[in-house]
Amino acid sequence: MNKSSHIIKLLLVSSLVFSLNSCGAKKLFKKVDAQKTPINAIERAKKNVAEGRGVSLKGLTKNRRGTNYEFSTSNPMWRATLETLDFLPLSNVDYSGGMIITDWYNDSKTKNDSIKITVRFLSNEIQSNSLKIIIHKKECTANNNCTVKKIESKIEEELTRTILSKAAFIKKEIKNKK
């Protein structure tokens, strides 16, 4: 390429950059007077909400008794489940998602079989359909070939019954303290 074609390309690119830069700069950014803008972030946020430039969450989280804990330790179902599964190592505990997953567990009698328990909270109510308990079983051979499968077991029923009875007891204790 010759020198004149380079100059033409440079002029085209620079005019394009200049025209694009000057088009939206005035519309995108507005001048702000530092004396009229609060320095404190909370005051600035209140000002933005008052001017309609922000979002206010005031009133969305209000309830009759103060803070609302969906699946926290104040929830009888949650507490009862943690107490019931306290002998197992836990691999995942998600308060906001309402799920508890144990790590693989085996007793001393069966070295090649392990179970993993998943508890899903479907509701805060103390009733049998508020919980979904899933049991997985891992069977390993001597050379560490393992298979994992979901099983139907009496453990699910026993855990559900135990958790519900403990939750009812915890709820009763909470009411008696008030």
Foldseek 3Di string as FASTA:
>chain_A
DDPVVVVVVVVVVVVVVVVVVVPCPPVPDDDDDPVPADPDPVVNQVVCVVVVNHDDCPPVQDDDPPHDQFQDCLQLLNVLLCVVCVVFAWDDDDRVQQKTKTDWDDDPVDPFKTKIKMWHAQGSDLDLVRIDIWIKMWGADPVGPIDIDTDDDCVSVVSSVSSSVSSVVSVVVVVVVD
